[in-house]
Amino acid sequence: MRVEQLYPFPAEQLAAIFERYPDATEVVWVQEEPENMGAWHFVGERIRQLLPDRMRLSGVSRFESGSPATGSHAIHDQEQQALLEQGIGL
């Protein structure tokens, strides 16, 4: 699923989606921004409160950084591939 709107937080819609997957045990928040940037800190606890007991939440992002970009196209490509592999198994 894709969350396009963070505020107001779509709690009811997300809870309904989680219930549609009775065999799911994990929800993964994937963001391209470093961990200390982006929406992870805003949405993490909100999502945890909505999850059924059988599910756990994890996050995948670039490592914390003082800059949103590495400054190297090659490193950016490596990080992007790692995000895809960790986040959605590509």
PDB file of N, CA and C in Angstrom:
ATOM      1  N   MET A   1       0.839  -1.162   0.000  1.00  0.00           N
ATOM      2  CA  MET A   1       0.000   0.000   0.000  1.00  0.00           C
ATOM      3  C   MET A   1       0.882   1.223   0.000  1.00  0.00           C
ATOM      4  N   ARG A   2       0.326   2.323  -0.314  1.00  0.00           N
ATOM      5  CA  ARG A   2       1.065   3.573  -0.394  1.00  0.00           C
ATOM      6  C   ARG A   2       0.301   4.620   0.402  1.00  0.00           C
ATOM      7  N   VAL A   3       0.992   5.326   1.290  1.00  0.00           N
ATOM      8  CA  VAL A   3       0.364   6.383   2.083  1.00  0.00           C
ATOM      9  C   VAL A   3       0.742   7.712   1.445  1.00  0.00           C
ATOM     10  N   GLU A   4      -0.233   8.409   0.914  1.00  0.00           N
ATOM     11  CA  GLU A   4       0.001   9.674   0.220  1.00  0.00           C
ATOM     12  C   GLU A   4      -0.256  10.888   1.107  1.00  0.00           C
ATOM     13  N   GLN A   5      -1.068  10.721   2.130  1.00  0.00           N
ATOM     14  CA  GLN A   5      -1.445  11.849   2.985  1.00  0.00           C
ATOM     15  C   GLN A   5      -1.096  11.499   4.422  1.00  0.00           C
ATOM     16  N   LEU A   6      -0.303  12.359   5.055  1.00  0.00           N
ATOM     17  CA  LEU A   6       0.100  12.101   6.434  1.00  0.00           C
ATOM     18  C   LEU A   6      -0.748  12.851   7.445  1.00  0.00           C
ATOM     19  N   TYR A   7      -1.348  13.951   7.021  1.00  0.00           N
ATOM     20  CA  TYR A   7      -2.185  14.706   7.946  1.00  0.00           C
ATOM     21  C   TYR A   7      -3.393  15.249   7.208  1.00  0.00           C
ATOM     22  N   PRO A   8      -4.598  15.045   7.690  1.00  0.00           N
ATOM     23  CA  PRO A   8      -4.869  14.215   8.855  1.00  0.00           C
ATOM     24  C   PRO A   8      -4.478  12.767   8.572  1.00  0.00           C
ATOM     25  N   PHE A   9      -3.972  12.111   9.595  1.00  0.00           N
ATOM     26  CA  PHE A   9      -3.471  10.754   9.437  1.00  0.00           C
ATOM     27  C   PHE A   9      -4.627   9.816   9.092  1.00  0.00           C
ATOM     28  N   PRO A  10      -4.474   8.976   8.059  1.00  0.00           N
ATOM     29  CA  PRO A  10      -5.568   8.109   7.590  1.00  0.00           C
ATOM     30  C   PRO A  10      -5.722   6.838   8.435  1.00  0.00           C
ATOM     31  N   ALA A  11      -5.942   6.996   9.714  1.00  0.00           N
ATOM     32  CA  ALA A  11      -5.982   5.864  10.649  1.00  0.00           C
ATOM     33  C   ALA A  11      -7.064   4.848  10.289  1.00  0.00           C
ATOM     34  N   GLU A  12      -8.269   5.292  10.038  1.00  0.00           N
ATOM     35  CA  GLU A  12      -9.364   4.356   9.742  1.00  0.00           C
ATOM     36  C   GLU A  12      -9.091   3.566   8.471  1.00  0.00           C
ATOM     37  N   GLN A  13      -8.578   4.241   7.454  1.00  0.00           N
ATOM     38  CA  GLN A  13      -8.296   3.560   6.194  1.00  0.00           C
ATOM     39  C   GLN A  13      -7.190   2.518   6.370  1.00  0.00           C
ATOM     40  N   LEU A  14      -6.147   2.869   7.110  1.00  0.00           N
ATOM     41  CA  LEU A  14      -5.056   1.920   7.325  1.00  0.00           C
ATOM     42  C   LEU A  14      -5.515   0.723   8.148  1.00  0.00           C
ATOM     43  N   ALA A  15      -6.273   0.968   9.204  1.00  0.00           N
ATOM     44  CA  ALA A  15      -6.769  -0.135  10.034  1.00  0.00           C
ATOM     45  C   ALA A  15      -7.613  -1.096   9.200  1.00  0.00           C
ATOM     46  N   ALA A  16      -8.438  -0.561   8.318  1.00  0.00           N
ATOM     47  CA  ALA A  16      -9.266  -1.413   7.458  1.00  0.00           C
ATOM     48  C   ALA A  16      -8.400  -2.234   6.508  1.00  0.00           C
ATOM     49  N   ILE A  17      -7.343  -1.645   5.998  1.00  0.00           N
ATOM     50  CA  ILE A  17      -6.441  -2.378   5.108  1.00  0.00           C
ATOM     51  C   ILE A  17      -5.729  -3.490   5.865  1.00  0.00           C
ATOM     52  N   PHE A  18      -5.251  -3.211   7.069  1.00  0.00           N
ATOM     53  CA  PHE A  18      -4.565  -4.242   7.862  1.00  0.00           C
ATOM     54  C   PHE A  18      -5.482  -5.437   8.114  1.00  0.00           C
ATOM     55  N   GLU A  19      -6.745  -5.187   8.339  1.00  0.00           N
ATOM     56  CA  GLU A  19      -7.693  -6.271   8.610  1.00  0.00           C
ATOM     57  C   GLU A  19      -7.962  -7.133   7.375  1.00  0.00           C
ATOM     58  N   ARG A  20      -7.711  -6.592   6.192  1.00  0.00           N
ATOM     59  CA  ARG A  20      -7.931  -7.359   4.962  1.00  0.00           C
ATOM     60  C   ARG A  20      -6.868  -8.429   4.733  1.00  0.00           C
ATOM     61  N   TYR A  21      -5.825  -8.416   5.549  1.00  0.00           N
ATOM     62  CA  TYR A  21      -4.726  -9.372   5.393  1.00  0.00           C
ATOM     63  C   TYR A  21      -4.565 -10.182   6.680  1.00  0.00           C
ATOM     64  N   PRO A  22      -5.456 -11.132   6.929  1.00  0.00           N
ATOM     65  CA  PRO A  22      -5.454 -11.868   8.198  1.00  0.00           C
ATOM     66  C   PRO A  22      -4.220 -12.735   8.418  1.00  0.00           C
ATOM     67  N   ASP A  23      -3.501 -13.066   7.359  1.00  0.00           N
ATOM     68  CA  ASP A  23      -2.305 -13.896   7.513  1.00  0.00           C
ATOM     69  C   ASP A  23      -1.017 -13.080   7.597  1.00  0.00           C
ATOM     70  N   ALA A  24      -1.111 -11.783   7.410  1.00  0.00           N
ATOM     71  CA  ALA A  24       0.089 -10.934   7.455  1.00  0.00           C
ATOM     72  C   ALA A  24       0.592 -10.808   8.885  1.00  0.00           C
ATOM     73  N   THR A  25       1.901 -10.806   9.028  1.00  0.00           N
ATOM     74  CA  THR A  25       2.507 -10.681  10.359  1.00  0.00           C
ATOM     75  C   THR A  25       3.436  -9.484  10.469  1.00  0.00           C
ATOM     76  N   GLU A  26       3.677  -8.799   9.356  1.00  0.00           N
ATOM     77  CA  GLU A  26       4.614  -7.680   9.385  1.00  0.00           C
ATOM     78  C   GLU A  26       4.152  -6.563   8.461  1.00  0.00           C
ATOM     79  N   VAL A  27       4.359  -5.332   8.908  1.00  0.00           N
ATOM     80  CA  VAL A  27       4.153  -4.143   8.095  1.00  0.00           C
ATOM     81  C   VAL A  27       5.504  -3.446   8.030  1.00  0.00           C
ATOM     82  N   VAL A  28       5.926  -3.065   6.839  1.00  0.00           N
ATOM     83  CA  VAL A  28       7.220  -2.417   6.666  1.00  0.00           C
ATOM     84  C   VAL A  28       6.998  -1.016   6.109  1.00  0.00           C
ATOM     85  N   TRP A  29       7.492  -0.012   6.824  1.00  0.00           N
ATOM     86  CA  TRP A  29       7.467   1.368   6.336  1.00  0.00           C
ATOM     87  C   TRP A  29       8.768   1.575   5.574  1.00  0.00           C
ATOM     88  N   VAL A  30       8.679   1.908   4.302  1.00  0.00           N
ATOM     89  CA  VAL A  30       9.861   2.127   3.472  1.00  0.00           C
ATOM     90  C   VAL A  30       9.870   3.586   3.044  1.00  0.00           C
ATOM     91  N   GLN A  31      11.005   4.248   3.295  1.00  0.00           N
ATOM     92  CA  GLN A  31      11.142   5.628   2.839  1.00  0.00           C
ATOM     93  C   GLN A  31      12.533   5.818   2.254  1.00  0.00           C
ATOM     94  N   GLU A  32      12.614   6.659   1.235  1.00  0.00           N
ATOM     95  CA  GLU A  32      13.902   6.916   0.587  1.00  0.00           C
ATOM     96  C   GLU A  32      14.776   7.850   1.410  1.00  0.00           C
ATOM     97  N   GLU A  33      14.176   8.679   2.226  1.00  0.00           N
ATOM     98  CA  GLU A  33      14.938   9.630   3.020  1.00  0.00           C
ATOM     99  C   GLU A  33      15.711   8.909   4.123  1.00  0.00           C
ATOM    100  N   PRO A  34      16.774   9.540   4.652  1.00  0.00           N
ATOM    101  CA  PRO A  34      17.456   8.970   5.812  1.00  0.00           C
ATOM    102  C   PRO A  34      16.488   8.801   6.984  1.00  0.00           C
ATOM    103  N   GLU A  35      16.846   7.902   7.900  1.00  0.00           N
ATOM    104  CA  GLU A  35      15.960   7.578   9.023  1.00  0.00           C
ATOM    105  C   GLU A  35      15.561   8.809   9.831  1.00  0.00           C
ATOM    106  N   ASN A  36      16.480   9.768   9.989  1.00  0.00           N
ATOM    107  CA  ASN A  36      16.181  10.949  10.793  1.00  0.00           C
ATOM    108  C   ASN A  36      15.464  12.041   9.990  1.00  0.00           C
ATOM    109  N   MET A  37      15.089  11.736   8.776  1.00  0.00           N
ATOM    110  CA  MET A  37      14.320  12.667   7.947  1.00  0.00           C
ATOM    111  C   MET A  37      13.083  11.916   7.459  1.00  0.00           C
ATOM    112  N   GLY A  38      12.249  12.559   6.699  1.00  0.00           N
ATOM    113  CA  GLY A  38      11.079  11.859   6.185  1.00  0.00           C
ATOM    114  C   GLY A  38      10.024  11.653   7.253  1.00  0.00           C
ATOM    115  N   ALA A  39       9.110  10.755   6.979  1.00  0.00           N
ATOM    116  CA  ALA A  39       7.902  10.614   7.799  1.00  0.00           C
ATOM    117  C   ALA A  39       7.980   9.542   8.880  1.00  0.00           C
ATOM    118  N   TRP A  40       9.038   8.736   8.922  1.00  0.00           N
ATOM    119  CA  TRP A  40       9.106   7.598   9.832  1.00  0.00           C
ATOM    120  C   TRP A  40       8.778   7.965  11.276  1.00  0.00           C
ATOM    121  N   HIS A  41       9.379   9.017  11.788  1.00  0.00           N
ATOM    122  CA  HIS A  41       9.147   9.374  13.192  1.00  0.00           C
ATOM    123  C   HIS A  41       7.714   9.858  13.429  1.00  0.00           C
ATOM    124  N   PHE A  42       7.078  10.387  12.418  1.00  0.00           N
ATOM    125  CA  PHE A  42       5.692  10.836  12.548  1.00  0.00           C
ATOM    126  C   PHE A  42       4.716   9.667  12.487  1.00  0.00           C
ATOM    127  N   VAL A  43       4.945   8.742  11.577  1.00  0.00           N
ATOM    128  CA  VAL A  43       3.960   7.681  11.355  1.00  0.00           C
ATOM    129  C   VAL A  43       4.191   6.423  12.179  1.00  0.00           C
ATOM    130  N   GLY A  44       5.417   6.175  12.606  1.00  0.00           N
ATOM    131  CA  GLY A  44       5.741   4.915  13.270  1.00  0.00           C
ATOM    132  C   GLY A  44       4.816   4.554  14.413  1.00  0.00           C
ATOM    133  N   GLU A  45       4.715   5.419  15.400  1.00  0.00           N
ATOM    134  CA  GLU A  45       3.869   5.113  16.563  1.00  0.00           C
ATOM    135  C   GLU A  45       2.391   5.103  16.192  1.00  0.00           C
ATOM    136  N   ARG A  46       1.996   5.952  15.271  1.00  0.00           N
ATOM    137  CA  ARG A  46       0.593   5.963  14.835  1.00  0.00           C
ATOM    138  C   ARG A  46       0.211   4.633  14.183  1.00  0.00           C
ATOM    139  N   ILE A  47       1.099   4.106  13.367  1.00  0.00           N
ATOM    140  CA  ILE A  47       0.819   2.817  12.732  1.00  0.00           C
ATOM    141  C   ILE A  47       0.817   1.706  13.771  1.00  0.00           C
ATOM    142  N   ARG A  48       1.787   1.718  14.683  1.00  0.00           N
ATOM    143  CA  ARG A  48       1.843   0.672  15.725  1.00  0.00           C
ATOM    144  C   ARG A  48       0.531   0.583  16.503  1.00  0.00           C
ATOM    145  N   GLN A  49      -0.075   1.711  16.791  1.00  0.00           N
ATOM    146  CA  GLN A  49      -1.322   1.721  17.555  1.00  0.00           C
ATOM    147  C   GLN A  49      -2.470   1.077  16.781  1.00  0.00           C
ATOM    148  N   LEU A  50      -2.371   1.031  15.472  1.00  0.00           N
ATOM    149  CA  LEU A  50      -3.438   0.472  14.636  1.00  0.00           C
ATOM    150  C   LEU A  50      -3.274  -1.013  14.355  1.00  0.00           C
ATOM    151  N   LEU A  51      -2.072  -1.532  14.536  1.00  0.00           N
ATOM    152  CA  LEU A  51      -1.790  -2.905  14.125  1.00  0.00           C
ATOM    153  C   LEU A  51      -2.480  -3.930  15.007  1.00  0.00           C
ATOM    154  N   PRO A  52      -3.032  -4.960  14.399  1.00  0.00           N
ATOM    155  CA  PRO A  52      -3.533  -6.089  15.184  1.00  0.00           C
ATOM    156  C   PRO A  52      -2.355  -6.742  15.918  1.00  0.00           C
ATOM    157  N   ASP A  53      -2.632  -7.476  16.973  1.00  0.00           N
ATOM    158  CA  ASP A  53      -1.576  -8.091  17.780  1.00  0.00           C
ATOM    159  C   ASP A  53      -0.653  -8.999  16.976  1.00  0.00           C
ATOM    160  N   ARG A  54      -1.148  -9.583  15.908  1.00  0.00           N
ATOM    161  CA  ARG A  54      -0.344 -10.532  15.130  1.00  0.00           C
ATOM    162  C   ARG A  54       0.715  -9.840  14.267  1.00  0.00           C
ATOM    163  N   MET A  55       0.614  -8.532  14.098  1.00  0.00           N
ATOM    164  CA  MET A  55       1.515  -7.804  13.205  1.00  0.00           C
ATOM    165  C   MET A  55       2.546  -6.997  13.978  1.00  0.00           C
ATOM    166  N   ARG A  56       3.717  -6.874  13.357  1.00  0.00           N
ATOM    167  CA  ARG A  56       4.734  -5.991  13.911  1.00  0.00           C
ATOM    168  C   ARG A  56       5.152  -5.011  12.822  1.00  0.00           C
ATOM    169  N   LEU A  57       5.701  -3.885  13.246  1.00  0.00           N
ATOM    170  CA  LEU A  57       6.107  -2.827  12.324  1.00  0.00           C
ATOM    171  C   LEU A  57       7.622  -2.715  12.308  1.00  0.00           C
ATOM    172  N   SER A  58       8.176  -2.568  11.125  1.00  0.00           N
ATOM    173  CA  SER A  58       9.597  -2.273  10.990  1.00  0.00           C
ATOM    174  C   SER A  58       9.753  -1.165   9.959  1.00  0.00           C
ATOM    175  N   GLY A  59      10.916  -0.542   9.967  1.00  0.00           N
ATOM    176  CA  GLY A  59      11.179   0.546   9.039  1.00  0.00           C
ATOM    177  C   GLY A  59      12.428   0.283   8.223  1.00  0.00           C
ATOM    178  N   VAL A  60      12.396   0.704   6.971  1.00  0.00           N
ATOM    179  CA  VAL A  60      13.543   0.595   6.083  1.00  0.00           C
ATOM    180  C   VAL A  60      13.792   1.979   5.506  1.00  0.00           C
ATOM    181  N   SER A  61      15.023   2.455   5.649  1.00  0.00           N
ATOM    182  CA  SER A  61      15.384   3.773   5.127  1.00  0.00           C
ATOM    183  C   SER A  61      16.894   3.839   4.968  1.00  0.00           C
ATOM    184  N   ARG A  62      17.352   4.943   4.445  1.00  0.00           N
ATOM    185  CA  ARG A  62      18.795   5.175   4.442  1.00  0.00           C
ATOM    186  C   ARG A  62      19.231   5.432   5.885  1.00  0.00           C
ATOM    187  N   PHE A  63      20.534   5.254   6.152  1.00  0.00           N
ATOM    188  CA  PHE A  63      21.049   5.523   7.490  1.00  0.00           C
ATOM    189  C   PHE A  63      20.896   6.999   7.829  1.00  0.00           C
ATOM    190  N   GLU A  64      20.833   7.303   9.130  1.00  0.00           N
ATOM    191  CA  GLU A  64      20.749   8.695   9.564  1.00  0.00           C
ATOM    192  C   GLU A  64      21.880   9.500   8.932  1.00  0.00           C
ATOM    193  N   SER A  65      21.562  10.746   8.609  1.00  0.00           N
ATOM    194  CA  SER A  65      22.541  11.575   7.916  1.00  0.00           C
ATOM    195  C   SER A  65      22.229  13.044   8.147  1.00  0.00           C
ATOM    196  N   GLY A  66      23.249  13.866   8.043  1.00  0.00           N
ATOM    197  CA  GLY A  66      23.063  15.310   8.125  1.00  0.00           C
ATOM    198  C   GLY A  66      22.640  15.905   6.795  1.00  0.00           C
ATOM    199  N   SER A  67      22.664  15.084   5.759  1.00  0.00           N
ATOM    200  CA  SER A  67      22.311  15.533   4.420  1.00  0.00           C
ATOM    201  C   SER A  67      21.342  14.527   3.795  1.00  0.00           C
ATOM    202  N   PRO A  68      20.373  14.997   3.028  1.00  0.00           N
ATOM    203  CA  PRO A  68      19.434  14.068   2.407  1.00  0.00           C
ATOM    204  C   PRO A  68      20.020  13.313   1.213  1.00  0.00           C
ATOM    205  N   ALA A  69      21.193  13.721   0.734  1.00  0.00           N
ATOM    206  CA  ALA A  69      21.803  13.067  -0.426  1.00  0.00           C
ATOM    207  C   ALA A  69      23.257  12.705  -0.127  1.00  0.00           C
ATOM    208  N   THR A  70      23.738  11.647  -0.755  1.00  0.00           N
ATOM    209  CA  THR A  70      25.115  11.204  -0.526  1.00  0.00           C
ATOM    210  C   THR A  70      26.130  12.056  -1.257  1.00  0.00           C
ATOM    211  N   GLY A  71      25.725  12.671  -2.355  1.00  0.00           N
ATOM    212  CA  GLY A  71      26.656  13.438  -3.169  1.00  0.00           C
ATOM    213  C   GLY A  71      27.361  12.583  -4.210  1.00  0.00           C
ATOM    214  N   SER A  72      27.085  11.290  -4.206  1.00  0.00           N
ATOM    215  CA  SER A  72      27.693  10.368  -5.167  1.00  0.00           C
ATOM    216  C   SER A  72      26.587   9.569  -5.843  1.00  0.00           C
ATOM    217  N   HIS A  73      26.557   9.634  -7.156  1.00  0.00           N
ATOM    218  CA  HIS A  73      25.525   8.903  -7.890  1.00  0.00           C
ATOM    219  C   HIS A  73      25.669   7.396  -7.688  1.00  0.00           C
ATOM    220  N   ALA A  74      26.902   6.906  -7.662  1.00  0.00           N
ATOM    221  CA  ALA A  74      27.132   5.469  -7.484  1.00  0.00           C
ATOM    222  C   ALA A  74      26.641   5.000  -6.116  1.00  0.00           C
ATOM    223  N   ILE A  75      26.936   5.763  -5.066  1.00  0.00           N
ATOM    224  CA  ILE A  75      26.480   5.389  -3.722  1.00  0.00           C
ATOM    225  C   ILE A  75      24.964   5.493  -3.634  1.00  0.00           C
ATOM    226  N   HIS A  76      24.398   6.523  -4.252  1.00  0.00           N
ATOM    227  CA  HIS A  76      22.941   6.664  -4.278  1.00  0.00           C
ATOM    228  C   HIS A  76      22.306   5.423  -4.906  1.00  0.00           C
ATOM    229  N   ASP A  77      22.847   4.968  -6.029  1.00  0.00           N
ATOM    230  CA  ASP A  77      22.302   3.778  -6.693  1.00  0.00           C
ATOM    231  C   ASP A  77      22.394   2.543  -5.799  1.00  0.00           C
ATOM    232  N   GLN A  78      23.514   2.391  -5.079  1.00  0.00           N
ATOM    233  CA  GLN A  78      23.671   1.259  -4.161  1.00  0.00           C
ATOM    234  C   GLN A  78      22.643   1.328  -3.039  1.00  0.00           C
ATOM    235  N   GLU A  79      22.469   2.521  -2.461  1.00  0.00           N
ATOM    236  CA  GLU A  79      21.491   2.695  -1.383  1.00  0.00           C
ATOM    237  C   GLU A  79      20.078   2.435  -1.884  1.00  0.00           C
ATOM    238  N   GLN A  80      19.776   2.907  -3.080  1.00  0.00           N
ATOM    239  CA  GLN A  80      18.442   2.721  -3.650  1.00  0.00           C
ATOM    240  C   GLN A  80      18.150   1.235  -3.844  1.00  0.00           C
ATOM    241  N   GLN A  81      19.120   0.492  -4.352  1.00  0.00           N
ATOM    242  CA  GLN A  81      18.942  -0.945  -4.546  1.00  0.00           C
ATOM    243  C   GLN A  81      18.751  -1.643  -3.203  1.00  0.00           C
ATOM    244  N   ALA A  82      19.507  -1.236  -2.187  1.00  0.00           N
ATOM    245  CA  ALA A  82      19.363  -1.833  -0.851  1.00  0.00           C
ATOM    246  C   ALA A  82      17.971  -1.563  -0.289  1.00  0.00           C
ATOM    247  N   LEU A  83      17.437  -0.356  -0.503  1.00  0.00           N
ATOM    248  CA  LEU A  83      16.084  -0.042  -0.043  1.00  0.00           C
ATOM    249  C   LEU A  83      15.063  -0.963  -0.698  1.00  0.00           C
ATOM    250  N   LEU A  84      15.196  -1.163  -1.991  1.00  0.00           N
ATOM    251  CA  LEU A  84      14.259  -2.037  -2.702  1.00  0.00           C
ATOM    252  C   LEU A  84      14.360  -3.476  -2.212  1.00  0.00           C
ATOM    253  N   GLU A  85      15.575  -3.951  -2.003  1.00  0.00           N
ATOM    254  CA  GLU A  85      15.757  -5.327  -1.542  1.00  0.00           C
ATOM    255  C   GLU A  85      15.200  -5.525  -0.135  1.00  0.00           C
ATOM    256  N   GLN A  86      15.513  -4.605   0.765  1.00  0.00           N
ATOM    257  CA  GLN A  86      15.057  -4.732   2.150  1.00  0.00           C
ATOM    258  C   GLN A  86      13.568  -4.452   2.291  1.00  0.00           C
ATOM    259  N   GLY A  87      13.086  -3.483   1.535  1.00  0.00           N
ATOM    260  CA  GLY A  87      11.708  -3.047   1.705  1.00  0.00           C
ATOM    261  C   GLY A  87      10.671  -3.895   1.015  1.00  0.00           C
ATOM    262  N   ILE A  88      10.962  -4.283  -0.228  1.00  0.00           N
ATOM    263  CA  ILE A  88       9.942  -5.023  -0.970  1.00  0.00           C
ATOM    264  C   ILE A  88      10.491  -6.253  -1.669  1.00  0.00           C
ATOM    265  N   GLY A  89      11.710  -6.629  -1.335  1.00  0.00           N
ATOM    266  CA  GLY A  89      12.259  -7.875  -1.843  1.00  0.00           C
ATOM    267  C   GLY A  89      12.631  -7.891  -3.308  1.00  0.00           C
ATOM    268  N   LEU A  90      12.922  -6.735  -3.893  1.00  0.00           N
ATOM    269  CA  LEU A  90      13.333  -6.706  -5.313  1.00  0.00           C
ATOM    270  C   LEU A  90      14.836  -6.746  -5.432  1.00  0.00           C
TER     271      LEU A  90
END
